[in-house]
Each structure stands twice: as C-alpha cells, then as structure tokens.
Amino acid sequence: MARALSKDLRLRVLKAADEGASARQAAARFGVGISSAIRWIARAKIGEQMPRAQGR
C-alpha cells in the first residue's frame, strides 16, 4: 500500500510547478512519483490543494 506524503511536500511540489518547473522536474526534485506530481498539479488547477480523506 502506498504511504501518505506530507502536505508540506505537496505544497512544495505545487510551488515548484507554479514557478515554471514541469511536473516531471518537480517530482524528481522532491523525490515523489511522476504520476503523483501530475495528479497534484492537475487538482491544484481546479482549486484542490489539500489531500482528500483516506479510508471510509
């Protein structure tokens, strides 16, 4: 099962993307999965910056 990543890490990836880095560059810089970075950036564009609740 995947481990939860910190909200701070998510915000740092989003900030890097806002400053012009691609999702792949931001993922490599902070050591997260490319798909996670792409998903976080896509969700941030529609206004969702915080993670959704896990579980039921």
PDB file of N, CA and C in Angstrom:
ATOM      1  N   MET A   1       0.843  -1.182   0.000  1.00  0.00           N
ATOM      2  CA  MET A   1       0.000   0.000   0.000  1.00  0.00           C
ATOM      3  C   MET A   1       0.885   1.241   0.000  1.00  0.00           C
ATOM      4  N   ALA A   2       0.449   2.257  -0.670  1.00  0.00           N
ATOM      5  CA  ALA A   2       1.224   3.488  -0.768  1.00  0.00           C
ATOM      6  C   ALA A   2       1.244   4.220   0.563  1.00  0.00           C
ATOM      7  N   ARG A   3       2.327   4.906   0.804  1.00  0.00           N
ATOM      8  CA  ARG A   3       2.426   5.669   2.045  1.00  0.00           C
ATOM      9  C   ARG A   3       1.906   7.082   1.817  1.00  0.00           C
ATOM     10  N   ALA A   4       1.410   7.681   2.859  1.00  0.00           N
ATOM     11  CA  ALA A   4       0.915   9.050   2.772  1.00  0.00           C
ATOM     12  C   ALA A   4       2.103  10.009   2.741  1.00  0.00           C
ATOM     13  N   LEU A   5       2.024  10.997   1.898  1.00  0.00           N
ATOM     14  CA  LEU A   5       3.066  12.015   1.810  1.00  0.00           C
ATOM     15  C   LEU A   5       2.580  13.279   2.514  1.00  0.00           C
ATOM     16  N   SER A   6       3.503  14.060   3.009  1.00  0.00           N
ATOM     17  CA  SER A   6       3.135  15.223   3.806  1.00  0.00           C
ATOM     18  C   SER A   6       2.484  16.320   2.967  1.00  0.00           C
ATOM     19  N   LYS A   7       1.675  17.112   3.635  1.00  0.00           N
ATOM     20  CA  LYS A   7       1.039  18.251   2.979  1.00  0.00           C
ATOM     21  C   LYS A   7       2.082  19.277   2.568  1.00  0.00           C
ATOM     22  N   ASP A   8       3.126  19.401   3.388  1.00  0.00           N
ATOM     23  CA  ASP A   8       4.200  20.339   3.079  1.00  0.00           C
ATOM     24  C   ASP A   8       4.902  19.953   1.782  1.00  0.00           C
ATOM     25  N   LEU A   9       5.141  18.664   1.600  1.00  0.00           N
ATOM     26  CA  LEU A   9       5.785  18.186   0.377  1.00  0.00           C
ATOM     27  C   LEU A   9       4.916  18.485  -0.827  1.00  0.00           C
ATOM     28  N   ARG A  10       3.616  18.255  -0.692  1.00  0.00           N
ATOM     29  CA  ARG A  10       2.680  18.549  -1.778  1.00  0.00           C
ATOM     30  C   ARG A  10       2.727  20.033  -2.148  1.00  0.00           C
ATOM     31  N   LEU A  11       2.744  20.895  -1.125  1.00  0.00           N
ATOM     32  CA  LEU A  11       2.767  22.335  -1.394  1.00  0.00           C
ATOM     33  C   LEU A  11       4.075  22.767  -2.050  1.00  0.00           C
ATOM     34  N   ARG A  12       5.193  22.117  -1.666  1.00  0.00           N
ATOM     35  CA  ARG A  12       6.472  22.443  -2.299  1.00  0.00           C
ATOM     36  C   ARG A  12       6.480  22.036  -3.771  1.00  0.00           C
ATOM     37  N   VAL A  13       5.885  20.883  -4.095  1.00  0.00           N
ATOM     38  CA  VAL A  13       5.790  20.446  -5.489  1.00  0.00           C
ATOM     39  C   VAL A  13       4.927  21.425  -6.278  1.00  0.00           C
ATOM     40  N   LEU A  14       3.804  21.847  -5.694  1.00  0.00           N
ATOM     41  CA  LEU A  14       2.924  22.795  -6.372  1.00  0.00           C
ATOM     42  C   LEU A  14       3.595  24.147  -6.576  1.00  0.00           C
ATOM     43  N   LYS A  15       4.372  24.579  -5.591  1.00  0.00           N
ATOM     44  CA  LYS A  15       5.082  25.853  -5.721  1.00  0.00           C
ATOM     45  C   LYS A  15       6.121  25.783  -6.833  1.00  0.00           C
ATOM     46  N   ALA A  16       6.844  24.669  -6.915  1.00  0.00           N
ATOM     47  CA  ALA A  16       7.833  24.496  -7.979  1.00  0.00           C
ATOM     48  C   ALA A  16       7.161  24.532  -9.344  1.00  0.00           C
ATOM     49  N   ALA A  17       5.989  23.916  -9.456  1.00  0.00           N
ATOM     50  CA  ALA A  17       5.259  23.918 -10.719  1.00  0.00           C
ATOM     51  C   ALA A  17       4.784  25.332 -11.067  1.00  0.00           C
ATOM     52  N   ASP A  18       4.355  26.088 -10.059  1.00  0.00           N
ATOM     53  CA  ASP A  18       3.936  27.472 -10.291  1.00  0.00           C
ATOM     54  C   ASP A  18       5.095  28.343 -10.758  1.00  0.00           C
ATOM     55  N   GLU A  19       6.291  28.002 -10.307  1.00  0.00           N
ATOM     56  CA  GLU A  19       7.474  28.780 -10.679  1.00  0.00           C
ATOM     57  C   GLU A  19       8.051  28.367 -12.028  1.00  0.00           C
ATOM     58  N   GLY A  20       7.393  27.424 -12.714  1.00  0.00           N
ATOM     59  CA  GLY A  20       7.810  27.089 -14.066  1.00  0.00           C
ATOM     60  C   GLY A  20       8.373  25.696 -14.271  1.00  0.00           C
ATOM     61  N   ALA A  21       8.550  24.937 -13.230  1.00  0.00           N
ATOM     62  CA  ALA A  21       9.062  23.580 -13.385  1.00  0.00           C
ATOM     63  C   ALA A  21       7.952  22.674 -13.923  1.00  0.00           C
ATOM     64  N   SER A  22       8.330  21.691 -14.726  1.00  0.00           N
ATOM     65  CA  SER A  22       7.341  20.725 -15.195  1.00  0.00           C
ATOM     66  C   SER A  22       7.020  19.759 -14.056  1.00  0.00           C
ATOM     67  N   ALA A  23       5.976  18.993 -14.232  1.00  0.00           N
ATOM     68  CA  ALA A  23       5.607  18.011 -13.210  1.00  0.00           C
ATOM     69  C   ALA A  23       6.715  16.988 -13.028  1.00  0.00           C
ATOM     70  N   ARG A  24       7.338  16.580 -14.110  1.00  0.00           N
ATOM     71  CA  ARG A  24       8.438  15.603 -14.027  1.00  0.00           C
ATOM     72  C   ARG A  24       9.642  16.185 -13.301  1.00  0.00           C
ATOM     73  N   GLN A  25       9.959  17.444 -13.570  1.00  0.00           N
ATOM     74  CA  GLN A  25      11.085  18.090 -12.890  1.00  0.00           C
ATOM     75  C   GLN A  25      10.802  18.239 -11.402  1.00  0.00           C
ATOM     76  N   ALA A  26       9.596  18.651 -11.058  1.00  0.00           N
ATOM     77  CA  ALA A  26       9.223  18.815  -9.654  1.00  0.00           C
ATOM     78  C   ALA A  26       9.246  17.474  -8.932  1.00  0.00           C
ATOM     79  N   ALA A  27       8.774  16.421  -9.594  1.00  0.00           N
ATOM     80  CA  ALA A  27       8.766  15.086  -8.990  1.00  0.00           C
ATOM     81  C   ALA A  27      10.188  14.615  -8.716  1.00  0.00           C
ATOM     82  N   ALA A  28      11.071  14.809  -9.660  1.00  0.00           N
ATOM     83  CA  ALA A  28      12.464  14.396  -9.481  1.00  0.00           C
ATOM     84  C   ALA A  28      13.137  15.209  -8.389  1.00  0.00           C
ATOM     85  N   ARG A  29      12.851  16.489  -8.344  1.00  0.00           N
ATOM     86  CA  ARG A  29      13.480  17.375  -7.351  1.00  0.00           C
ATOM     87  C   ARG A  29      13.112  16.991  -5.926  1.00  0.00           C
ATOM     88  N   PHE A  30      11.853  16.591  -5.708  1.00  0.00           N
ATOM     89  CA  PHE A  30      11.385  16.305  -4.355  1.00  0.00           C
ATOM     90  C   PHE A  30      11.237  14.814  -4.062  1.00  0.00           C
ATOM     91  N   GLY A  31      11.564  13.959  -5.021  1.00  0.00           N
ATOM     92  CA  GLY A  31      11.548  12.523  -4.782  1.00  0.00           C
ATOM     93  C   GLY A  31      10.167  11.906  -4.641  1.00  0.00           C
ATOM     94  N   VAL A  32       9.217  12.411  -5.398  1.00  0.00           N
ATOM     95  CA  VAL A  32       7.880  11.813  -5.404  1.00  0.00           C
ATOM     96  C   VAL A  32       7.643  11.202  -6.779  1.00  0.00           C
ATOM     97  N   GLY A  33       6.602  10.397  -6.887  1.00  0.00           N
ATOM     98  CA  GLY A  33       6.278   9.770  -8.158  1.00  0.00           C
ATOM     99  C   GLY A  33       5.796  10.791  -9.173  1.00  0.00           C
ATOM    100  N   ILE A  34       6.127  10.523 -10.426  1.00  0.00           N
ATOM    101  CA  ILE A  34       5.708  11.428 -11.501  1.00  0.00           C
ATOM    102  C   ILE A  34       4.187  11.507 -11.561  1.00  0.00           C
ATOM    103  N   SER A  35       3.522  10.369 -11.444  1.00  0.00           N
ATOM    104  CA  SER A  35       2.055  10.375 -11.522  1.00  0.00           C
ATOM    105  C   SER A  35       1.442  11.153 -10.366  1.00  0.00           C
ATOM    106  N   SER A  36       2.064  11.088  -9.196  1.00  0.00           N
ATOM    107  CA  SER A  36       1.561  11.861  -8.055  1.00  0.00           C
ATOM    108  C   SER A  36       1.677  13.352  -8.329  1.00  0.00           C
ATOM    109  N   ALA A  37       2.834  13.774  -8.834  1.00  0.00           N
ATOM    110  CA  ALA A  37       3.041  15.197  -9.125  1.00  0.00           C
ATOM    111  C   ALA A  37       2.065  15.681 -10.194  1.00  0.00           C
ATOM    112  N   ILE A  38       1.874  14.885 -11.224  1.00  0.00           N
ATOM    113  CA  ILE A  38       0.942  15.261 -12.289  1.00  0.00           C
ATOM    114  C   ILE A  38      -0.471  15.399 -11.723  1.00  0.00           C
ATOM    115  N   ARG A  39      -0.872  14.439 -10.899  1.00  0.00           N
ATOM    116  CA  ARG A  39      -2.222  14.461 -10.304  1.00  0.00           C
ATOM    117  C   ARG A  39      -2.394  15.657  -9.374  1.00  0.00           C
ATOM    118  N   TRP A  40      -1.376  15.933  -8.540  1.00  0.00           N
ATOM    119  CA  TRP A  40      -1.461  17.070  -7.618  1.00  0.00           C
ATOM    120  C   TRP A  40      -1.584  18.387  -8.377  1.00  0.00           C
ATOM    121  N   ILE A  41      -0.802  18.536  -9.424  1.00  0.00           N
ATOM    122  CA  ILE A  41      -0.821  19.783 -10.202  1.00  0.00           C
ATOM    123  C   ILE A  41      -2.159  19.941 -10.914  1.00  0.00           C
ATOM    124  N   ALA A  42      -2.679  18.853 -11.465  1.00  0.00           N
ATOM    125  CA  ALA A  42      -3.978  18.915 -12.145  1.00  0.00           C
ATOM    126  C   ALA A  42      -5.087  19.283 -11.162  1.00  0.00           C
ATOM    127  N   ARG A  43      -5.051  18.695  -9.962  1.00  0.00           N
ATOM    128  CA  ARG A  43      -6.070  19.016  -8.964  1.00  0.00           C
ATOM    129  C   ARG A  43      -5.918  20.444  -8.453  1.00  0.00           C
ATOM    130  N   ALA A  44      -4.687  20.955  -8.371  1.00  0.00           N
ATOM    131  CA  ALA A  44      -4.472  22.328  -7.916  1.00  0.00           C
ATOM    132  C   ALA A  44      -5.052  23.327  -8.909  1.00  0.00           C
ATOM    133  N   LYS A  45      -5.038  22.974 -10.184  1.00  0.00           N
ATOM    134  CA  LYS A  45      -5.588  23.867 -11.206  1.00  0.00           C
ATOM    135  C   LYS A  45      -7.090  24.059 -11.056  1.00  0.00           C
ATOM    136  N   ILE A  46      -7.771  23.084 -10.438  1.00  0.00           N
ATOM    137  CA  ILE A  46      -9.217  23.231 -10.224  1.00  0.00           C
ATOM    138  C   ILE A  46      -9.523  23.662  -8.795  1.00  0.00           C
ATOM    139  N   GLY A  47      -8.482  23.996  -8.028  1.00  0.00           N
ATOM    140  CA  GLY A  47      -8.676  24.570  -6.707  1.00  0.00           C
ATOM    141  C   GLY A  47      -8.512  23.633  -5.535  1.00  0.00           C
ATOM    142  N   GLU A  48      -8.101  22.393  -5.761  1.00  0.00           N
ATOM    143  CA  GLU A  48      -7.928  21.439  -4.664  1.00  0.00           C
ATOM    144  C   GLU A  48      -6.441  21.273  -4.367  1.00  0.00           C
ATOM    145  N   GLN A  49      -5.964  21.863  -3.282  1.00  0.00           N
ATOM    146  CA  GLN A  49      -4.554  21.759  -2.937  1.00  0.00           C
ATOM    147  C   GLN A  49      -4.283  20.782  -1.814  1.00  0.00           C
ATOM    148  N   MET A  50      -5.255  20.490  -0.990  1.00  0.00           N
ATOM    149  CA  MET A  50      -5.067  19.576   0.140  1.00  0.00           C
ATOM    150  C   MET A  50      -5.531  18.174  -0.249  1.00  0.00           C
ATOM    151  N   PRO A  51      -4.955  17.156   0.368  1.00  0.00           N
ATOM    152  CA  PRO A  51      -5.348  15.786   0.028  1.00  0.00           C
ATOM    153  C   PRO A  51      -6.769  15.458   0.490  1.00  0.00           C
ATOM    154  N   ARG A  52      -7.346  14.527  -0.195  1.00  0.00           N
ATOM    155  CA  ARG A  52      -8.668  14.043   0.196  1.00  0.00           C
ATOM    156  C   ARG A  52      -8.520  13.068   1.342  1.00  0.00           C
ATOM    157  N   ALA A  53      -9.588  12.816   2.060  1.00  0.00           N
ATOM    158  CA  ALA A  53      -9.552  11.887   3.186  1.00  0.00           C
ATOM    159  C   ALA A  53      -9.301  10.467   2.687  1.00  0.00           C
ATOM    160  N   GLN A  54      -8.533   9.708   3.470  1.00  0.00           N
ATOM    161  CA  GLN A  54      -8.278   8.311   3.133  1.00  0.00           C
ATOM    162  C   GLN A  54      -9.229   7.426   3.908  1.00  0.00           C
ATOM    163  N   GLY A  55      -9.493   6.261   3.379  1.00  0.00           N
ATOM    164  CA  GLY A  55     -10.369   5.325   4.077  1.00  0.00           C
ATOM    165  C   GLY A  55     -11.821   5.641   3.892  1.00  0.00           C
ATOM    166  N   ARG A  56     -12.615   5.131   4.799  1.00  0.00           N
ATOM    167  CA  ARG A  56     -14.063   5.314   4.672  1.00  0.00           C
ATOM    168  C   ARG A  56     -14.558   6.531   5.381  1.00  0.00           C
TER     169      ARG A  56
END
